[in-house]
Protein backbone atom coordinates (compact mmCIF):
# COMPACT_ATOMS: atom_id res chain seq x y z
CA MET A 1 8.34 -1.20 49.75
CA LEU A 2 4.69 -0.27 48.93
CA THR A 3 1.94 -0.17 51.74
CA PRO A 4 -1.18 -2.63 51.27
CA ARG A 5 -3.06 0.16 50.25
CA GLN A 6 -0.86 0.58 47.67
CA LEU A 7 -0.27 -3.01 46.70
CA PHE A 8 -4.40 -3.07 46.56
CA LEU A 9 -4.73 -0.41 44.29
CA ARG A 10 -2.04 -1.67 42.08
CA HIS A 11 -2.43 -5.18 41.50
CA GLN A 12 -5.84 -6.58 42.68
CA ALA A 13 -7.98 -6.42 40.59
CA GLN A 14 -11.17 -3.81 41.08
CA THR A 15 -15.00 -3.79 41.07
CA SER A 16 -15.38 0.00 41.19
CA ASP A 17 -13.90 3.06 40.72
CA THR A 18 -14.50 3.71 43.93
CA PRO A 19 -13.92 1.00 46.82
CA LEU A 20 -14.15 1.39 50.79
CA LEU A 21 -10.24 1.36 50.67
CA LEU A 22 -10.89 0.51 54.12
CA GLU A 23 -7.99 -1.67 55.63
CA ILE A 24 -8.27 -4.31 58.30
CA GLU A 25 -5.59 -5.22 60.62
CA ARG A 26 -8.17 -8.04 62.94
CA ALA A 27 -11.49 -8.48 63.80
CA GLU A 28 -13.45 -9.60 66.68
CA GLY A 29 -17.15 -9.93 67.64
CA VAL A 30 -19.22 -7.22 66.02
CA TYR A 31 -15.72 -5.22 65.90
CA MET A 32 -13.06 -4.34 62.96
CA TYR A 33 -9.68 -2.63 63.90
CA GLY A 34 -7.95 -0.41 61.31
CA PRO A 35 -4.31 0.15 61.94
CA GLY A 36 -3.54 2.30 65.40
CA GLY A 37 -6.30 0.50 66.87
CA ARG A 38 -9.72 2.52 64.74
CA ARG A 39 -12.56 0.71 65.95
CA TYR A 40 -15.72 -0.10 63.41
CA LEU A 41 -19.20 -1.47 64.67
CA ASP A 42 -20.31 -3.95 61.70
CA LEU A 43 -23.91 -3.85 61.09
CA ILE A 44 -23.54 -5.59 57.57
CA SER A 45 -21.34 -8.95 58.93
CA GLY A 46 -19.63 -9.07 55.74
CA ILE A 47 -22.91 -9.14 53.61
CA GLY A 48 -24.83 -11.81 55.75
CA VAL A 49 -21.50 -13.92 56.47
CA SER A 50 -20.03 -13.18 60.24
CA ASN A 51 -23.61 -14.37 61.32
CA VAL A 52 -21.93 -15.68 64.43
CA GLY A 53 -19.53 -12.47 64.87
CA HIS A 54 -16.19 -12.63 63.70
CA ARG A 55 -13.69 -15.11 64.92
CA HIS A 56 -16.42 -16.83 66.40
CA PRO A 57 -14.08 -19.23 69.51
CA ARG A 58 -15.29 -22.56 68.64
CA VAL A 59 -14.91 -21.68 65.08
CA ILE A 60 -11.77 -20.56 65.26
CA GLY A 61 -11.19 -23.90 67.44
CA ALA A 62 -12.56 -26.42 64.89
CA ILE A 63 -10.51 -24.58 62.37
CA GLN A 64 -7.55 -25.34 64.73
CA GLN A 65 -8.42 -28.93 64.96
CA GLN A 66 -9.51 -29.65 61.53
CA LEU A 67 -5.74 -28.35 60.55
CA ASP A 68 -3.90 -30.99 62.25
CA LYS A 69 -5.70 -33.51 60.39
CA TYR A 70 -6.03 -32.80 56.95
CA LEU A 71 -6.84 -30.14 54.38
CA HIS A 72 -7.96 -31.31 51.03
CA LEU A 73 -7.60 -34.74 49.58
CA MET A 74 -9.83 -35.22 46.70
CA VAL A 75 -12.38 -34.14 44.07
CA TYR A 76 -15.99 -33.63 46.07
CA GLY A 77 -17.93 -37.06 46.86
CA GLU A 78 -15.22 -39.52 46.37
CA VAL A 79 -13.51 -39.66 49.69
CA VAL A 80 -15.21 -40.30 53.12
CA GLN A 81 -14.24 -36.94 55.08
CA THR A 82 -15.75 -36.62 58.55
CA PRO A 83 -16.55 -32.83 58.02
CA GLN A 84 -18.22 -32.70 55.11
CA ALA A 85 -20.86 -36.27 56.42
CA GLU A 86 -21.41 -34.60 60.00
CA LEU A 87 -22.37 -31.32 58.65
CA ALA A 88 -24.56 -32.71 56.08
CA HIS A 89 -25.94 -34.68 58.70
CA ALA A 90 -26.59 -31.63 60.82
CA LEU A 91 -28.24 -29.64 58.34
CA HIS A 92 -30.60 -32.36 57.76
CA LEU A 93 -31.58 -32.66 61.48
CA THR A 94 -32.18 -28.61 60.54
CA LEU A 95 -34.72 -29.57 57.81
CA PRO A 96 -38.03 -31.53 56.80
CA ALA A 97 -37.08 -35.10 56.25
CA VAL A 98 -37.48 -34.72 52.68
CA LEU A 99 -34.50 -32.45 52.18
CA ASP A 100 -31.79 -35.41 52.86
CA ALA A 101 -28.74 -34.72 50.42
CA VAL A 102 -26.93 -32.05 50.59
CA TYR A 103 -24.14 -31.06 48.10
CA PHE A 104 -21.75 -28.83 49.56
CA THR A 105 -20.13 -26.10 47.01
CA ASN A 106 -17.77 -23.39 47.30
CA SER A 107 -19.95 -19.70 47.42
CA GLY A 108 -23.57 -18.76 47.27
CA ALA A 109 -23.35 -18.65 42.80
CA GLU A 110 -21.90 -22.07 42.92
CA ALA A 111 -25.10 -23.06 44.63
CA VAL A 112 -27.44 -21.69 42.37
CA GLU A 113 -25.87 -22.94 39.38
CA GLY A 114 -25.60 -26.02 40.86
CA ALA A 115 -29.30 -25.95 41.35
CA LEU A 116 -30.03 -24.67 37.76
CA LYS A 117 -28.42 -27.92 36.69
CA LEU A 118 -29.84 -30.31 39.01
CA ALA A 119 -33.39 -29.07 38.06
CA LYS A 120 -33.15 -29.08 34.23
CA ARG A 121 -31.79 -32.84 34.81
CA HIS A 122 -34.93 -33.94 37.20
CA THR A 123 -37.59 -32.26 34.70
CA GLY A 124 -36.41 -32.62 31.07
CA ARG A 125 -37.55 -28.86 31.04
CA THR A 126 -35.69 -26.02 29.83
CA GLU A 127 -37.23 -22.71 31.23
CA LEU A 128 -36.11 -20.69 34.32
CA ILE A 129 -38.22 -18.41 36.15
CA SER A 130 -36.89 -15.83 38.68
CA CYS A 131 -37.92 -12.71 40.40
CA HIS A 132 -37.33 -9.07 39.06
CA ARG A 133 -34.98 -7.55 41.03
CA ALA A 134 -33.42 -11.02 42.59
CA TYR A 135 -29.97 -11.29 42.74
CA HIS A 136 -28.67 -14.83 42.80
CA GLY A 137 -24.83 -13.98 41.32
CA SER A 138 -22.38 -13.21 39.07
CA THR A 139 -21.49 -15.98 36.95
CA HIS A 140 -23.53 -16.89 33.74
CA GLY A 141 -25.64 -19.00 35.10
CA ALA A 142 -26.29 -17.24 38.15
CA LEU A 143 -26.18 -13.81 36.46
CA SER A 144 -29.18 -14.93 33.80
CA VAL A 145 -31.55 -15.35 37.02
CA THR A 146 -30.58 -12.26 38.50
CA GLY A 147 -33.18 -9.75 38.10
CA SER A 148 -31.96 -6.76 37.36
CA GLU A 149 -30.92 -6.33 33.68
CA GLY A 150 -28.82 -3.39 34.14
CA PHE A 151 -26.57 -5.39 35.75
CA LYS A 152 -26.62 -8.35 33.47
CA GLN A 153 -26.75 -6.26 29.98
CA SER A 154 -23.24 -5.86 29.46
CA TYR A 155 -22.65 -9.97 29.60
CA ARG A 156 -25.23 -11.09 27.19
CA PRO A 157 -25.83 -13.74 25.74
CA LEU A 158 -26.77 -15.50 28.95
CA LEU A 159 -28.77 -18.85 29.54
CA PRO A 160 -31.82 -18.95 27.08
CA ASP A 161 -35.25 -19.50 28.33
CA VAL A 162 -35.06 -17.90 31.03
CA ARG A 163 -38.52 -15.41 32.20
CA HIS A 164 -39.28 -13.04 35.11
CA ILE A 165 -42.13 -12.55 36.98
CA GLU A 166 -42.59 -9.75 39.75
CA TYR A 167 -41.80 -11.12 43.58
CA ASN A 168 -45.35 -10.78 45.12
CA ALA A 169 -47.82 -10.95 42.42
CA LEU A 170 -50.15 -13.84 42.62
CA PRO A 171 -51.41 -13.15 38.73
CA ASP A 172 -48.13 -13.42 37.44
CA LEU A 173 -47.71 -17.30 38.89
CA ALA A 174 -49.69 -18.43 35.79
CA LEU A 175 -46.52 -17.59 34.08
CA ILE A 176 -45.42 -20.61 35.53
CA THR A 177 -47.03 -23.81 33.21
CA SER A 178 -45.79 -27.63 32.49
CA ARG A 179 -42.46 -26.44 30.63
CA THR A 180 -40.94 -24.50 33.59
CA ALA A 181 -38.08 -26.50 35.24
CA ALA A 182 -37.75 -24.50 38.10
CA VAL A 183 -38.47 -21.26 39.84
CA ILE A 184 -35.54 -19.71 41.73
CA VAL A 185 -36.98 -17.21 44.33
CA GLU A 186 -35.62 -15.56 47.61
CA THR A 187 -37.22 -16.44 50.43
CA VAL A 188 -37.12 -12.42 51.34
CA GLN A 189 -35.47 -10.19 48.76
CA GLY A 190 -32.00 -9.24 49.63
CA GLU A 191 -30.73 -7.20 47.40
CA ALA A 192 -34.12 -5.34 46.27
CA GLY A 193 -34.15 -3.65 50.06
CA VAL A 194 -35.15 -6.68 52.02
CA ARG A 195 -38.82 -7.27 50.60
CA VAL A 196 -40.75 -9.60 52.94
CA PRO A 197 -43.12 -12.49 51.14
CA HIS A 198 -47.16 -10.96 51.79
CA PRO A 199 -49.42 -13.50 53.44
CA GLY A 200 -50.65 -16.41 51.31
CA TYR A 201 -47.67 -15.40 48.53
CA LEU A 202 -45.00 -18.23 49.25
CA PRO A 203 -48.05 -20.79 49.71
CA ALA A 204 -49.86 -20.18 46.30
CA LEU A 205 -46.18 -20.55 44.96
CA ARG A 206 -45.49 -23.88 46.22
CA GLN A 207 -49.21 -25.01 45.16
CA ARG A 208 -48.62 -23.67 41.71
CA CYS A 209 -44.85 -25.82 41.33
CA THR A 210 -46.34 -29.03 43.13
CA GLU A 211 -49.44 -28.35 39.83
CA THR A 212 -47.18 -27.81 37.49
CA GLY A 213 -44.56 -30.44 38.46
CA THR A 214 -41.89 -27.31 38.29
CA LEU A 215 -39.54 -27.31 41.56
CA LEU A 216 -39.34 -24.76 43.34
CA ILE A 217 -35.85 -23.57 44.53
CA LEU A 218 -35.33 -21.41 47.75
CA ASP A 219 -32.29 -19.07 47.88
CA GLU A 220 -31.70 -18.32 51.55
CA ILE A 221 -27.69 -17.80 51.34
CA GLN A 222 -28.18 -14.66 52.69
CA CYS A 223 -31.59 -15.41 54.60
CA GLY A 224 -30.55 -18.63 56.03
CA PHE A 225 -28.63 -19.54 59.38
CA GLY A 226 -30.79 -17.60 61.56
CA ARG A 227 -30.52 -14.35 60.10
CA THR A 228 -34.28 -13.49 60.13
CA GLY A 229 -35.03 -15.18 63.21
CA THR A 230 -35.78 -19.19 62.68
CA PHE A 231 -32.60 -21.40 60.88
CA TRP A 232 -34.17 -21.06 58.00
CA ALA A 233 -36.33 -18.49 56.52
CA PHE A 234 -38.87 -20.49 55.20
CA GLU A 235 -39.84 -22.31 58.29
CA GLN A 236 -41.86 -18.24 59.13
CA PHE A 237 -44.65 -19.24 55.98
CA GLY A 238 -45.56 -22.87 56.01
CA ILE A 239 -43.92 -24.23 53.21
CA VAL A 240 -41.04 -26.50 52.30
CA PRO A 241 -38.98 -26.56 48.89
CA ASP A 242 -37.88 -29.16 46.34
CA VAL A 243 -34.37 -27.64 46.52
CA LEU A 244 -32.35 -25.37 49.34
CA LEU A 245 -29.79 -23.09 48.48
CA CYS A 246 -27.52 -21.60 51.54
CA ALA A 247 -23.70 -20.13 51.53
CA LYS A 248 -22.62 -16.68 52.85
CA GLY A 249 -23.80 -16.71 57.36
CA MET A 250 -23.11 -21.00 57.21
CA GLY A 251 -19.27 -20.40 56.92
CA GLY A 252 -18.73 -18.12 60.11
CA GLY A 253 -16.27 -16.63 58.08
CA MET A 254 -15.35 -19.29 55.95
CA PRO A 255 -16.25 -19.80 52.47
CA ILE A 256 -18.62 -22.85 51.45
CA GLY A 257 -22.45 -22.83 50.31
CA ALA A 258 -24.76 -26.07 49.83
CA PHE A 259 -27.66 -27.10 47.58
CA ILE A 260 -30.29 -29.34 49.34
CA ALA A 261 -32.36 -31.51 47.67
CA PRO A 262 -33.70 -34.48 48.04
CA GLN A 263 -32.52 -38.03 47.02
CA GLU A 264 -34.34 -38.67 44.47
CA ILE A 265 -33.54 -35.41 42.89
CA MET A 266 -30.02 -35.54 44.05
CA ALA A 267 -29.75 -38.80 42.36
CA GLY A 268 -29.76 -37.27 38.50
CA PHE A 269 -26.15 -36.54 38.92
CA LYS A 270 -24.87 -39.94 39.40
CA SER A 271 -25.48 -41.01 35.95
CA ASN A 272 -26.53 -39.55 31.84
CA PRO A 273 -23.82 -38.70 32.38
CA VAL A 274 -21.92 -39.74 35.49
CA LEU A 275 -20.61 -37.06 37.56
CA GLY A 276 -23.46 -34.65 36.47
CA HIS A 277 -21.60 -31.92 38.59
CA CYS A 278 -17.95 -31.80 39.85
CA THR A 279 -16.44 -29.58 42.00
CA THR A 280 -12.53 -29.70 43.43
CA PHE A 281 -12.56 -28.06 46.44
CA GLY A 282 -16.74 -27.58 47.61
CA GLY A 283 -17.32 -29.49 51.23
CA HIS A 284 -13.25 -28.18 52.18
CA PRO A 285 -12.86 -29.99 54.93
CA VAL A 286 -11.83 -26.83 56.96
CA SER A 287 -15.01 -24.61 55.68
CA CYS A 288 -16.88 -28.23 56.70
CA VAL A 289 -15.77 -27.81 60.31
CA ALA A 290 -16.64 -24.38 60.95
CA SER A 291 -20.05 -24.39 59.36
CA LEU A 292 -20.80 -26.86 61.78
CA ALA A 293 -18.93 -24.99 64.51
CA THR A 294 -21.46 -21.82 63.40
CA LEU A 295 -24.54 -24.14 63.41
CA GLN A 296 -23.53 -25.70 66.57
CA VAL A 297 -23.73 -21.87 67.99
CA ILE A 298 -26.43 -20.73 66.61
CA GLN A 299 -28.52 -23.38 68.62
CA GLU A 300 -26.56 -24.00 71.70
CA GLU A 301 -26.05 -20.42 72.36
CA ASN A 302 -29.54 -19.40 71.74
CA LEU A 303 -28.85 -16.97 69.03
CA LEU A 304 -32.78 -17.25 67.45
CA ALA A 305 -34.31 -16.23 70.67
CA GLY A 306 -33.08 -12.58 70.97
CA VAL A 307 -33.18 -11.95 66.98
CA THR A 308 -37.23 -10.19 67.01
CA ALA A 309 -36.14 -8.06 69.77
CA LYS A 310 -32.84 -7.13 68.27
CA ALA A 311 -34.64 -6.04 65.47
CA ALA A 312 -37.08 -3.83 67.26
CA LEU A 313 -34.92 -2.11 69.29
CA PHE A 314 -33.40 -1.50 65.95
CA ARG A 315 -36.83 0.44 65.04
CA ASN A 316 -37.57 1.61 67.95
CA LEU A 317 -33.91 3.89 67.80
CA LEU A 318 -34.00 4.42 64.79
CA ARG A 319 -36.95 7.68 64.06
CA HIS A 320 -36.12 10.66 62.24
CA PRO A 321 -37.76 12.88 59.33
CA ALA A 322 -35.31 11.16 56.90
CA ILE A 323 -36.43 8.00 57.14
CA ARG A 324 -38.81 7.18 55.30
CA ASP A 325 -39.64 3.73 56.35
CA VAL A 326 -37.81 0.13 58.19
CA ARG A 327 -38.49 -2.82 56.98
CA GLY A 328 -37.29 -6.71 57.07
CA LEU A 329 -37.47 -9.78 58.74
CA GLY A 330 -35.76 -10.55 61.56
CA LEU A 331 -31.67 -8.71 61.79
CA LEU A 332 -32.59 -8.50 57.24
CA MET A 333 -33.17 -4.83 58.04
CA ALA A 334 -33.63 -2.12 55.63
CA VAL A 335 -33.94 1.79 56.22
CA GLU A 336 -34.88 3.55 53.53
CA PHE A 337 -34.27 7.58 52.31
CA ASP A 338 -35.56 9.73 49.90
CA SER A 339 -32.32 8.75 47.40
CA TYR A 340 -29.18 7.54 46.71
CA ALA A 341 -28.17 10.85 47.06
CA VAL A 342 -29.30 11.34 50.66
CA LEU A 343 -28.23 8.28 51.58
CA LYS A 344 -24.62 7.96 50.83
CA PRO A 345 -23.60 11.37 52.36
CA ILE A 346 -24.88 9.58 55.71
CA ILE A 347 -22.88 6.06 54.67
CA ASP A 348 -19.79 7.72 54.17
CA ARG A 349 -20.62 10.33 57.79
CA ALA A 350 -21.49 6.78 59.38
CA LEU A 351 -17.67 5.46 58.45
CA GLU A 352 -15.50 8.55 58.81
CA HIS A 353 -16.68 10.25 61.63
CA GLU A 354 -18.54 7.53 63.98
CA GLY A 355 -16.98 4.02 63.35
CA ILE A 356 -19.75 2.58 62.03
CA LEU A 357 -19.87 0.10 58.54
CA THR A 358 -23.41 -0.15 56.19
CA ASP A 359 -24.10 -0.24 52.79
CA TRP A 360 -26.77 0.29 50.64
CA PHE A 361 -28.22 -2.62 48.47
CA LEU A 362 -27.43 -3.21 44.95
CA PHE A 363 -30.82 -3.04 43.52
CA CYS A 364 -32.70 -0.78 46.04
CA ASP A 365 -29.90 2.23 46.63
CA ASN A 366 -31.85 4.82 48.33
CA SER A 367 -31.76 2.18 51.50
CA LEU A 368 -29.34 1.76 54.09
CA ARG A 369 -28.99 -2.18 55.02
CA LEU A 370 -28.58 -3.34 58.42
CA ALA A 371 -27.59 -7.23 59.16
CA PRO A 372 -24.84 -6.91 62.14
CA PRO A 373 -23.93 -10.25 63.61
CA LEU A 374 -26.46 -11.70 65.63
CA THR A 375 -24.58 -11.53 68.54
CA ILE A 376 -24.54 -8.01 68.82
CA SER A 377 -26.06 -6.83 72.13
CA GLU A 378 -28.42 -4.60 73.51
CA ALA A 379 -25.69 -1.88 74.17
CA GLU A 380 -23.86 -2.38 70.75
CA ILE A 381 -27.34 -1.41 69.31
CA LYS A 382 -27.68 1.28 71.34
CA GLU A 383 -24.13 2.34 70.39
CA ALA A 384 -24.46 2.49 66.24
CA CYS A 385 -28.20 3.59 65.85
CA ALA A 386 -26.82 6.84 68.32
CA ALA A 387 -24.09 7.24 65.98
CA LEU A 388 -26.16 6.61 63.08
CA GLN A 389 -28.59 9.08 64.04
CA ARG A 390 -25.88 11.38 64.22
CA ALA A 391 -24.90 10.99 61.01
CA ILE A 392 -27.83 11.20 59.14
CA HIS A 393 -28.81 14.57 61.31
CA TYR A 394 -25.05 16.03 60.33
CA VAL A 395 -25.97 15.02 56.84
CA VAL A 396 -29.74 16.68 56.25
CA SER A 397 -29.50 19.37 58.83
């Protein structure tokens, strides 16, 4: 009989020639466990997903209760489903009042796709602007506004009328004009290696979009749901987007995403044509109750209050001559080394010998990703940093 590892390699579609091949039997809190009980401390939260930790009891409890009621009932937007309605209301309460219509999807990339369509429908324009080194997803529309030519060159032609600007470059804002349907930008650039907006950049971007009648789409798929120390990262920069994207950390481990906009903008999907945007499984009731429980855990367990101090502890403990920079916002951080050739052996050593799971960034492969569950304790941070320091010392000494 074939082992799970053999089945994985024989029948499961692969995305690289060098998968981690890490077999996990269970997960709890900030830890994952392999066969025989080998423990791994997760410092990347499944790439920004497990913000409240793996299998949080309240998330599991909400899922179990919903399983006894119903699963999929009908395609999106036709049947009143309490999990969808209650989650939409709870999300609205975290946001400025103008953002009052929530469209649920299955993933972040789907949220991007819906938002791009909505911008074209609302404005009647075709041009889309995004940033160099931005990552918005791998489906065709989302890939079109992803800002790495190397990542998408093999899949052209993609969407026409897409141009890219430099993130944090004020002069580039002049490229936003009255023919631009939308500017889509990550509030904090993730795969570029955690690039935080300079003071004044996002307000200037907001102003330029308002002047030209352009929709501002903020992608908080990776930096939302408490990751940066506020529930939404944009709260720290004094602006309000026209459309907000979320996914990853919003599901507590279940697949779900959303794009959120004012009712008058979202109404564009109602006519010309009717059902202007459709999804079969978007807003699945089990994912919605998991998301609502996740939101409540973040709020009621006051997880936001500890994010800044935990990030500071990482910064204080990760000191080594090989580390060139530690940057980030909240618990979305990048630890920079000279090159991928230096970083990759550190990542491998940390996993194989220290039981620490880390990663690099798609468009910044000399930087180590730190995005642990918000529930990580001070003791677990110290354990993780000591292990990383040992791995760094082993590789570069």
